[in-house]
Amino acid sequence: MQNVQVSFDKSANNARSESSVAINPNNPDQIVAASKKFLNIETYDFTLATEYSTDGGQTWQASPDLALPEGATVMTDPTLAWDDSNNVFLVGLTGNDPPTWNVIGIVIYKSSDGGMTWSEPKPIHNSPADDKQWVAGDSSPSSPFHGNVYAVWDNNGIAFARTTDHGTTWTGTSGAAAGALIESSGTLFYPEITVSDTGAVYVVSTNTASRVAMMVSTDGGDSFQTATDPATGITTLEDRLPVVDRYVHLPGGTFRVVSDPTVAAYGDILLVAWPDYREGAARIYYVRSVDAGSTWSTPSGQRLDTATVPSGFHHIMPQMVVDQLGVFGCVYYEFGPKPTKMLIDVVLSLSLDQGETFDRSVLTTQPWDPTVDAPWARGDPNVTFIGDYMGLDVSSRGSSRSGRIPEPGSRNCSRPPFRTPSGCASWRSSMHWRAAKSSSFAGSVTRSWPRPPREDA
């Protein structure tokens, strides 16, 4: 698979991580990528940078530098989503004074030209506890809330904001300001949000100890209700791994890791996945619901990748999406001796049976070394940083029913797309993740299979 480079930084200080990728639902050739761009890898000093493609990820150009709001000198945690009118939104977390890193708050950027240019920043919420935001757009023509864009983040609870007017205004639930809490226990972290083609909005989070929680809105974000926990009795990385200077890390590694959950929805079918350490090594576990989250397949989940994996290998940072035919895809890092040095590959697992089983494909042409030009987490040389998450997206490709799916961290693979026979589908995956020498790459993998149309299509 051919590698396609996305960013072209020449300095080792410009390491990239925590990438997000979003495809225009109206034009799958239009893709925007965002990532954390370090300015100094030893002082935890960074901003966000974006790139864009107009040819489906085959070539990429850098966007102009993003303006920072007054008082901000750093920005992190990029996440991207499109509305239904060819606008793409970037949500960032601003702060100052690295490596201490004083948080200012959540800021929104809007691009109406596919990431070629960006608006001035629009701060929507300021709190020193703001962290780990995620954004999702409602792109389903059948949804009564088509075009809405929703964001969530940590703030001693789960904070929420939405726009129903293409970014002109951002509000919370009905009558509430942007950033008002939809969950206030202060015990749930790392929220991720997704939107089903029914218009239902799902938010998952974890207590980083034993459970994955979920909230749901069926009224376009006017209100949220607590749903049945997707998973209980799980074994998080934070619960089992050794702590070094506040952070846990895997055996053989120095980079910090977290147990972020991920969620995808197809009609009333939901899949939630997370990294789990119950086997004495990190593996991706998941649960499945066929009734919009009312009940779940197994209380503590099941292995997503059921292939035999050496005990010294670990799977982390899962990201899940689903295409318009109900094919679920999950990417994750595989860290282990390859063959003897501890390196990372990116793995994609696809499910052709709406989440009942998954296959496995290694996407990287060669594994990458997380120790090369590795940033110091919060300026601590004992803990390095490759990011806390990756991103993934998928889109339709006209009558051939092909899909395209990007992902983050910092490298890639690509193969030219091919035509598929009638009644078949193909996924073309462009992924973007941290790699050696601080480069970012993007690429694609195309898969095809016989697939009948949706029953309700």
Protein backbone atom coordinates (compact mmCIF):
# COMPACT_ATOMS: atom_id res chain seq x y z
CA MET A 1 0.00 0.00 0.00
CA GLN A 2 1.40 3.37 -1.05
CA ASN A 3 1.98 5.99 1.66
CA VAL A 4 0.68 9.50 1.03
CA GLN A 5 2.24 12.26 3.13
CA VAL A 6 -0.17 14.77 4.66
CA SER A 7 2.02 17.24 6.57
CA PHE A 8 5.48 18.44 5.66
CA ASP A 9 7.05 19.80 8.84
CA LYS A 10 10.83 19.73 8.78
CA SER A 11 11.55 20.29 12.48
CA ALA A 12 11.60 17.44 14.97
CA ASN A 13 9.85 19.84 17.34
CA ASN A 14 6.77 19.77 15.09
CA ALA A 15 5.62 16.30 16.13
CA ARG A 16 1.96 15.54 15.32
CA SER A 17 -0.57 13.57 17.37
CA GLU A 18 -4.28 13.30 18.23
CA SER A 19 -5.48 13.67 14.67
CA SER A 20 -9.06 13.94 13.49
CA VAL A 21 -10.37 13.35 9.97
CA ALA A 22 -13.77 14.31 8.54
CA ILE A 23 -15.25 13.73 5.08
CA ASN A 24 -17.85 16.04 3.57
CA PRO A 25 -21.07 13.98 3.45
CA ASN A 26 -22.08 15.93 0.33
CA ASN A 27 -18.73 15.47 -1.45
CA PRO A 28 -16.54 12.51 -0.44
CA ASP A 29 -13.57 13.92 -2.36
CA GLN A 30 -13.42 16.74 0.19
CA ILE A 31 -11.59 15.69 3.36
CA VAL A 32 -10.20 17.76 6.23
CA ALA A 33 -7.62 16.53 8.74
CA ALA A 34 -6.56 18.20 11.99
CA SER A 35 -3.90 17.33 14.52
CA LYS A 36 -1.96 18.65 17.47
CA LYS A 37 1.21 20.29 16.15
CA PHE A 38 4.01 20.62 18.66
CA LEU A 39 6.19 23.71 18.72
CA ASN A 40 8.57 22.32 21.35
CA ILE A 41 8.44 18.62 22.22
CA GLU A 42 10.21 19.10 25.57
CA THR A 43 8.00 21.87 26.97
CA TYR A 44 4.58 20.53 25.88
CA ASP A 45 4.05 23.60 23.73
CA PHE A 46 1.70 23.10 20.78
CA THR A 47 -1.18 24.37 18.70
CA LEU A 48 -3.58 22.81 16.19
CA ALA A 49 -3.00 22.56 12.45
CA THR A 50 -5.20 21.38 9.59
CA GLU A 51 -4.74 20.00 6.10
CA TYR A 52 -7.30 19.47 3.36
CA SER A 53 -7.77 17.26 0.31
CA THR A 54 -9.96 17.83 -2.73
CA ASP A 55 -9.26 14.47 -4.38
CA GLY A 56 -10.36 11.96 -1.77
CA GLY A 57 -7.12 11.92 0.20
CA GLN A 58 -4.69 11.28 -2.66
CA THR A 59 -3.00 14.67 -2.19
CA TRP A 60 -3.05 17.15 0.69
CA GLN A 61 -2.38 20.84 1.23
CA ALA A 62 -1.75 22.72 4.47
CA SER A 63 -4.31 25.25 5.65
CA PRO A 64 -3.18 28.67 6.95
CA ASP A 65 -2.28 28.89 10.64
CA LEU A 66 -5.25 29.09 12.97
CA ALA A 67 -5.72 32.34 14.89
CA LEU A 68 -5.79 31.97 18.68
CA PRO A 69 -8.24 33.88 20.88
CA GLU A 70 -6.91 36.62 23.11
CA GLY A 71 -4.86 35.28 26.01
CA ALA A 72 -4.30 31.84 24.49
CA THR A 73 -0.87 30.59 23.45
CA VAL A 74 -1.59 26.85 23.13
CA MET A 75 -4.43 24.73 21.72
CA THR A 76 -5.08 20.99 21.80
CA ASP A 77 -7.51 18.07 21.32
CA PRO A 78 -8.74 18.65 17.74
CA THR A 79 -12.05 17.19 16.61
CA LEU A 80 -13.91 17.81 13.33
CA ALA A 81 -17.47 17.49 12.00
CA TRP A 82 -19.46 18.67 8.97
CA ASP A 83 -22.99 20.02 8.85
CA ASP A 84 -25.33 19.50 5.89
CA SER A 85 -24.35 22.72 4.08
CA ASN A 86 -20.67 22.07 3.31
CA ASN A 87 -19.43 23.72 6.50
CA VAL A 88 -16.83 21.92 8.60
CA PHE A 89 -16.26 22.75 12.25
CA LEU A 90 -13.05 22.36 14.28
CA VAL A 91 -13.34 22.30 18.07
CA GLY A 92 -10.22 23.06 20.08
CA LEU A 93 -9.20 23.48 23.73
CA THR A 94 -7.17 26.63 24.42
CA GLY A 95 -4.76 27.47 27.21
CA ASN A 96 -1.46 29.12 28.06
CA ASP A 97 1.77 28.76 30.03
CA PRO A 98 3.18 25.39 28.87
CA PRO A 99 4.24 22.99 30.30
CA THR A 100 2.07 23.93 33.29
CA TRP A 101 -0.77 24.31 30.80
CA ASN A 102 -3.44 26.59 32.23
CA VAL A 103 -6.74 25.80 30.46
CA ILE A 104 -8.86 28.67 29.11
CA GLY A 105 -11.71 26.85 27.39
CA ILE A 106 -13.49 25.53 24.30
CA VAL A 107 -13.25 27.34 20.96
CA ILE A 108 -14.93 26.75 17.58
CA TYR A 109 -13.58 27.38 14.07
CA LYS A 110 -15.68 27.17 10.91
CA SER A 111 -14.60 26.60 7.31
CA SER A 112 -16.97 26.93 4.36
CA ASP A 113 -14.36 26.05 1.73
CA GLY A 114 -13.32 22.57 2.82
CA GLY A 115 -10.57 23.60 5.22
CA MET A 116 -8.75 25.93 2.82
CA THR A 117 -9.43 28.82 5.21
CA TRP A 118 -10.87 29.10 8.71
CA SER A 119 -12.91 31.68 10.58
CA GLU A 120 -11.69 33.62 13.55
CA PRO A 121 -12.01 31.58 16.76
CA LYS A 122 -15.39 31.59 18.51
CA PRO A 123 -14.99 30.85 22.25
CA ILE A 124 -18.15 29.10 23.48
CA HIS A 125 -17.16 28.10 27.03
CA ASN A 126 -14.36 29.00 29.44
CA SER A 127 -13.50 26.83 32.43
CA PRO A 128 -10.16 25.61 33.83
CA ALA A 129 -11.70 22.11 33.97
CA ASP A 130 -12.64 21.94 30.25
CA ASP A 131 -10.96 18.98 28.54
CA LYS A 132 -11.21 16.20 25.94
CA GLN A 133 -13.91 17.51 23.60
CA TRP A 134 -15.58 15.55 20.78
CA VAL A 135 -17.91 16.72 18.00
CA ALA A 136 -20.35 14.99 15.63
CA GLY A 137 -22.63 16.18 12.86
CA ASP A 138 -26.06 14.90 11.85
CA SER A 139 -25.68 14.18 8.13
CA SER A 140 -28.60 11.78 7.64
CA PRO A 141 -31.27 13.12 5.23
CA SER A 142 -33.88 11.06 7.08
CA SER A 143 -33.11 12.64 10.46
CA PRO A 144 -35.52 15.30 11.70
CA PHE A 145 -32.45 17.17 13.02
CA HIS A 146 -30.41 16.96 9.82
CA GLY A 147 -27.62 19.54 9.83
CA ASN A 148 -27.23 19.91 13.59
CA VAL A 149 -23.71 19.71 15.02
CA TYR A 150 -23.15 18.54 18.60
CA ALA A 151 -20.12 18.78 20.93
CA VAL A 152 -19.33 17.32 24.35
CA TRP A 153 -16.38 17.63 26.72
CA ASP A 154 -15.20 17.09 30.31
CA ASN A 155 -15.83 19.84 32.88
CA ASN A 156 -16.25 18.11 36.27
CA GLY A 157 -19.13 16.41 34.49
CA ILE A 158 -20.09 16.15 30.84
CA ALA A 159 -20.63 19.49 29.12
CA PHE A 160 -22.68 19.87 25.94
CA ALA A 161 -23.16 22.39 23.13
CA ARG A 162 -24.93 22.34 19.77
CA THR A 163 -25.53 24.52 16.76
CA THR A 164 -28.74 24.35 14.76
CA ASP A 165 -27.92 27.32 12.52
CA HIS A 166 -24.62 26.31 10.88
CA GLY A 167 -22.42 27.73 13.61
CA THR A 168 -23.94 31.18 14.00
CA THR A 169 -24.90 30.36 17.59
CA TRP A 170 -24.03 27.59 20.05
CA THR A 171 -26.34 26.62 22.89
CA GLY A 172 -26.79 23.79 25.37
CA THR A 173 -29.92 21.75 25.93
CA SER A 174 -33.26 23.56 25.81
CA GLY A 175 -32.88 26.93 27.53
CA ALA A 176 -29.30 26.26 28.63
CA ALA A 177 -26.08 27.98 27.62
CA ALA A 178 -23.34 26.24 25.68
CA GLY A 179 -21.33 24.10 28.06
CA ALA A 180 -24.12 23.41 30.54
CA LEU A 181 -23.69 19.95 32.07
CA ILE A 182 -25.81 17.05 30.91
CA GLU A 183 -24.18 14.78 33.54
CA SER A 184 -22.88 16.26 36.80
CA SER A 185 -21.53 13.40 38.93
CA GLY A 186 -17.94 14.37 38.24
CA THR A 187 -17.06 10.67 37.98
CA LEU A 188 -17.26 10.16 34.21
CA PHE A 189 -14.54 11.12 31.74
CA TYR A 190 -13.44 10.98 28.08
CA PRO A 191 -16.87 11.56 26.50
CA GLU A 192 -17.42 10.70 22.85
CA ILE A 193 -20.53 11.65 20.86
CA THR A 194 -22.12 10.15 17.76
CA VAL A 195 -25.37 10.56 15.82
CA SER A 196 -27.44 7.72 14.37
CA ASP A 197 -29.20 8.02 11.02
CA THR A 198 -32.41 8.18 13.08
CA GLY A 199 -31.24 11.49 14.56
CA ALA A 200 -30.64 10.01 18.02
CA VAL A 201 -27.56 11.42 19.76
CA TYR A 202 -25.44 9.10 21.93
CA VAL A 203 -22.71 10.09 24.40
CA VAL A 204 -20.46 7.47 26.00
CA SER A 205 -17.94 7.99 28.80
CA THR A 206 -16.10 5.97 31.44
CA ASN A 207 -15.34 6.16 35.13
CA THR A 208 -11.83 4.79 34.21
CA ALA A 209 -12.36 1.94 36.69
CA SER A 210 -15.13 -0.52 35.86
CA ARG A 211 -17.88 0.88 33.63
CA VAL A 212 -18.81 2.60 30.39
CA ALA A 213 -21.81 4.90 30.73
CA MET A 214 -24.14 6.37 28.10
CA MET A 215 -26.60 9.21 27.67
CA VAL A 216 -29.04 9.65 24.79
CA SER A 217 -31.03 12.48 23.22
CA THR A 218 -33.92 11.79 20.85
CA ASP A 219 -35.03 15.42 20.49
CA GLY A 220 -32.06 17.01 18.74
CA GLY A 221 -30.20 17.85 21.94
CA ASP A 222 -33.10 19.56 23.73
CA SER A 223 -32.66 17.04 26.54
CA PHE A 224 -30.59 13.98 27.49
CA GLN A 225 -31.54 10.89 29.46
CA THR A 226 -29.27 8.42 31.22
CA ALA A 227 -29.34 5.08 29.41
CA THR A 228 -28.43 1.57 30.51
CA ASP A 229 -24.68 1.26 31.02
CA PRO A 230 -23.25 -0.39 27.89
CA ALA A 231 -20.59 -2.19 29.95
CA THR A 232 -19.90 -2.97 33.60
CA GLY A 233 -17.19 -5.05 35.21
CA ILE A 234 -14.58 -3.97 32.68
CA THR A 235 -10.86 -3.75 33.46
CA THR A 236 -9.45 -0.37 32.48
CA LEU A 237 -5.83 0.43 31.74
CA GLU A 238 -5.87 2.97 34.59
CA ASP A 239 -6.92 0.23 37.00
CA ARG A 240 -4.16 -2.27 36.17
CA LEU A 241 -1.12 -0.51 34.71
CA PRO A 242 1.76 1.03 36.70
CA VAL A 243 1.69 4.78 37.30
CA VAL A 244 4.69 6.90 36.36
CA ASP A 245 4.45 10.57 37.34
CA ARG A 246 0.61 10.56 37.33
CA TYR A 247 0.20 8.56 34.10
CA VAL A 248 -0.11 4.85 33.31
CA HIS A 249 1.87 3.24 30.50
CA LEU A 250 2.14 -0.16 28.83
CA PRO A 251 4.93 -2.67 29.51
CA GLY A 252 7.84 -1.81 27.22
CA GLY A 253 6.56 1.69 26.55
CA THR A 254 6.99 5.15 28.05
CA PHE A 255 4.00 6.88 26.43
CA ARG A 256 0.90 7.52 28.51
CA VAL A 257 -2.31 5.61 27.74
CA VAL A 258 -5.99 6.07 28.65
CA SER A 259 -9.17 4.00 28.37
CA ASP A 260 -11.19 6.19 25.99
CA PRO A 261 -14.45 4.53 24.87
CA THR A 262 -15.77 4.90 21.33
CA VAL A 263 -19.29 4.53 19.89
CA ALA A 264 -20.99 4.14 16.50
CA ALA A 265 -24.69 3.84 15.64
CA TYR A 266 -26.59 2.41 12.66
CA GLY A 267 -30.32 2.80 13.13
CA ASP A 268 -30.98 1.23 16.52
CA ILE A 269 -27.79 -0.87 16.40
CA LEU A 270 -25.07 0.55 18.67
CA LEU A 271 -21.50 -0.62 19.19
CA VAL A 272 -19.31 0.64 22.03
CA ALA A 273 -15.62 -0.33 22.30
CA TRP A 274 -12.76 0.39 24.70
CA PRO A 275 -9.24 -0.91 25.58
CA ASP A 276 -9.46 -3.53 28.33
CA TYR A 277 -6.72 -5.19 30.45
CA ARG A 278 -8.55 -8.23 31.83
CA GLU A 279 -6.29 -10.63 29.89
CA GLY A 280 -3.10 -9.18 31.36
CA ALA A 281 -2.56 -7.26 28.12
CA ALA A 282 -4.51 -4.47 26.45
CA ARG A 283 -7.17 -5.77 24.07
CA ILE A 284 -10.12 -4.06 22.41
CA TYR A 285 -13.43 -5.18 23.88
CA TYR A 286 -16.89 -4.17 22.71
CA VAL A 287 -20.62 -4.54 23.37
CA ARG A 288 -23.57 -4.44 20.97
CA SER A 289 -27.16 -3.26 21.29
CA VAL A 290 -29.94 -3.80 18.75
CA ASP A 291 -32.57 -1.74 20.57
CA ALA A 292 -31.02 1.75 20.74
CA GLY A 293 -29.16 1.01 23.97
CA SER A 294 -31.99 -0.42 26.06
CA THR A 295 -30.16 -3.75 26.39
CA TRP A 296 -26.63 -4.90 25.60
CA SER A 297 -25.06 -8.13 24.39
CA THR A 298 -22.78 -8.96 27.33
CA PRO A 299 -22.30 -7.07 30.60
CA SER A 300 -18.52 -6.78 30.39
CA GLY A 301 -18.01 -7.09 26.63
CA GLN A 302 -16.27 -9.45 24.26
CA ARG A 303 -13.01 -9.40 22.30
CA LEU A 304 -13.27 -7.45 19.05
CA ASP A 305 -10.17 -8.97 17.44
CA THR A 306 -10.50 -12.70 18.11
CA ALA A 307 -7.33 -13.63 16.24
CA THR A 308 -4.49 -15.11 18.25
CA VAL A 309 -2.34 -12.20 19.43
CA PRO A 310 1.03 -12.67 21.16
CA SER A 311 0.88 -11.90 24.87
CA GLY A 312 3.45 -9.12 24.50
CA PHE A 313 1.22 -7.21 22.08
CA HIS A 314 -1.22 -4.53 23.23
CA HIS A 315 -4.21 -2.90 21.49
CA ILE A 316 -5.11 0.69 22.41
CA MET A 317 -6.94 3.82 21.18
CA PRO A 318 -9.90 2.26 19.35
CA GLN A 319 -12.03 4.43 17.09
CA MET A 320 -15.32 3.16 15.65
CA VAL A 321 -17.47 4.33 12.71
CA VAL A 322 -20.20 2.79 10.55
CA ASP A 323 -21.11 3.29 6.90
CA GLN A 324 -24.52 3.73 5.27
CA LEU A 325 -24.89 -0.05 4.80
CA GLY A 326 -24.24 -0.95 8.41
CA VAL A 327 -20.61 -2.02 8.00
CA PHE A 328 -18.79 -1.13 11.22
CA GLY A 329 -15.07 -0.35 11.24
CA CYS A 330 -12.72 0.01 14.19
CA VAL A 331 -9.08 1.11 14.03
CA TYR A 332 -6.59 0.79 16.87
CA TYR A 333 -2.88 0.80 17.61
CA GLU A 334 -1.06 -2.52 18.04
CA PHE A 335 2.04 -2.06 20.21
CA GLY A 336 4.54 -4.86 20.69
CA PRO A 337 7.85 -6.49 19.64
CA LYS A 338 8.05 -6.25 15.82
CA PRO A 339 10.07 -8.45 15.71
CA THR A 340 12.02 -7.48 18.84
CA LYS A 341 11.84 -3.70 19.18
CA MET A 342 8.61 -2.30 20.61
CA LEU A 343 6.86 -0.68 17.65
CA ILE A 344 3.32 0.29 16.59
CA ASP A 345 1.11 -0.82 13.70
CA VAL A 346 -2.37 0.44 12.91
CA VAL A 347 -5.01 -2.30 12.60
CA LEU A 348 -8.46 -2.01 11.00
CA SER A 349 -11.19 -4.48 11.93
CA LEU A 350 -14.36 -4.53 9.81
CA SER A 351 -17.70 -6.14 10.61
CA LEU A 352 -19.89 -7.20 7.68
CA ASP A 353 -22.66 -8.54 9.95
CA GLN A 354 -23.58 -5.32 11.77
CA GLY A 355 -21.18 -5.85 14.62
CA GLU A 356 -21.59 -9.53 15.41
CA THR A 357 -18.04 -10.42 14.29
CA PHE A 358 -14.94 -8.53 13.10
CA ASP A 359 -12.02 -9.32 10.81
CA ARG A 360 -8.50 -7.87 11.00
CA SER A 361 -6.18 -6.05 8.57
CA VAL A 362 -2.86 -4.37 9.36
CA LEU A 363 -2.90 -1.02 7.58
CA THR A 364 0.63 0.26 8.12
CA THR A 365 3.19 -0.77 5.53
CA GLN A 366 5.75 -0.89 8.33
CA PRO A 367 5.47 -0.32 12.08
CA TRP A 368 6.62 2.98 13.56
CA ASP A 369 8.73 3.76 16.60
CA PRO A 370 6.95 5.75 19.32
CA THR A 371 10.28 6.78 20.86
CA VAL A 372 11.45 8.81 17.85
CA ASP A 373 11.00 12.56 18.44
CA ALA A 374 8.54 11.73 21.18
CA PRO A 375 7.10 14.75 23.03
CA TRP A 376 7.36 14.85 26.82
CA ALA A 377 3.90 14.74 28.44
CA ARG A 378 3.51 18.04 30.28
CA GLY A 379 7.28 18.52 30.00
CA ASP A 380 8.06 15.32 31.94
CA PRO A 381 10.95 13.36 30.35
CA ASN A 382 9.78 10.20 32.13
CA VAL A 383 6.44 10.12 30.28
CA THR A 384 6.22 10.52 26.51
CA PHE A 385 3.18 11.37 24.41
CA ILE A 386 1.76 9.91 21.19
CA GLY A 387 -1.77 11.18 21.78
CA ASP A 388 -4.82 9.89 23.62
CA TYR A 389 -6.98 9.02 20.59
CA MET A 390 -7.22 8.59 16.84
CA GLY A 391 -10.04 9.49 14.45
CA LEU A 392 -11.93 7.66 11.75
CA ASP A 393 -14.57 8.59 9.18
CA VAL A 394 -16.48 6.89 6.38
CA SER A 395 -18.51 8.07 3.41
CA SER A 396 -20.52 6.78 0.49
CA ARG A 397 -19.14 6.91 -3.07
CA GLY A 398 -22.14 7.11 -5.36
CA SER A 399 -23.63 4.15 -7.20
CA SER A 400 -20.69 1.84 -6.55
CA ARG A 401 -21.48 2.13 -2.81
CA SER A 402 -17.86 2.58 -1.91
CA GLY A 403 -16.83 4.14 1.33
CA ARG A 404 -13.87 6.11 2.48
CA ILE A 405 -12.64 6.11 6.03
CA PRO A 406 -9.84 8.27 7.54
CA GLU A 407 -8.13 7.93 10.88
CA PRO A 408 -5.61 9.81 13.17
CA GLY A 409 -2.34 9.59 14.95
CA SER A 410 0.25 10.23 12.25
CA ARG A 411 1.02 8.03 9.18
CA ASN A 412 -0.77 6.13 6.32
CA CYS A 413 -1.37 3.61 3.64
CA SER A 414 -3.10 3.89 0.29
CA ARG A 415 -4.23 1.91 -2.68
CA PRO A 416 -6.11 3.31 -5.68
CA PRO A 417 -9.86 2.76 -5.38
CA PHE A 418 -11.42 0.20 -7.68
CA ARG A 419 -14.89 -0.21 -9.13
CA THR A 420 -17.18 -2.67 -7.41
CA PRO A 421 -19.86 -4.77 -9.03
CA SER A 422 -23.53 -4.01 -8.49
CA GLY A 423 -24.66 -5.03 -5.02
CA CYS A 424 -21.15 -4.82 -3.57
CA ALA A 425 -19.52 -2.22 -1.40
CA SER A 426 -15.98 -1.07 -0.79
CA TRP A 427 -14.31 0.76 2.05
CA ARG A 428 -11.42 3.05 1.29
CA SER A 429 -9.62 3.97 4.47
CA SER A 430 -7.41 7.04 4.78
CA MET A 431 -5.63 7.07 8.11
CA HIS A 432 -3.46 9.74 9.67
CA TRP A 433 -1.41 9.05 12.80
CA ARG A 434 1.87 9.86 14.54
CA ALA A 435 4.92 8.19 13.01
CA ALA A 436 8.69 8.31 13.12
CA LYS A 437 10.47 11.62 12.60
CA SER A 438 7.30 13.50 13.52
CA SER A 439 5.84 13.13 10.05
CA SER A 440 2.15 12.82 9.28
CA PHE A 441 0.94 10.64 6.46
CA ALA A 442 -2.41 9.69 5.04
CA GLY A 443 -3.47 6.78 2.94
CA SER A 444 -6.23 4.43 2.04
CA VAL A 445 -7.17 0.80 2.01
CA THR A 446 -9.95 -0.41 -0.26
CA ARG A 447 -11.96 -3.51 0.61
CA SER A 448 -14.96 -4.93 -1.26
CA TRP A 449 -17.55 -7.54 -0.42
CA PRO A 450 -21.04 -8.67 -1.49
CA ARG A 451 -23.53 -6.70 0.51
CA PRO A 452 -27.34 -6.54 0.13
CA PRO A 453 -29.03 -3.17 0.56
CA ARG A 454 -30.50 -2.16 3.90
CA GLU A 455 -33.86 -3.76 4.56
CA ASP A 456 -35.51 -0.40 5.16
CA ALA A 457 -33.71 1.37 2.29
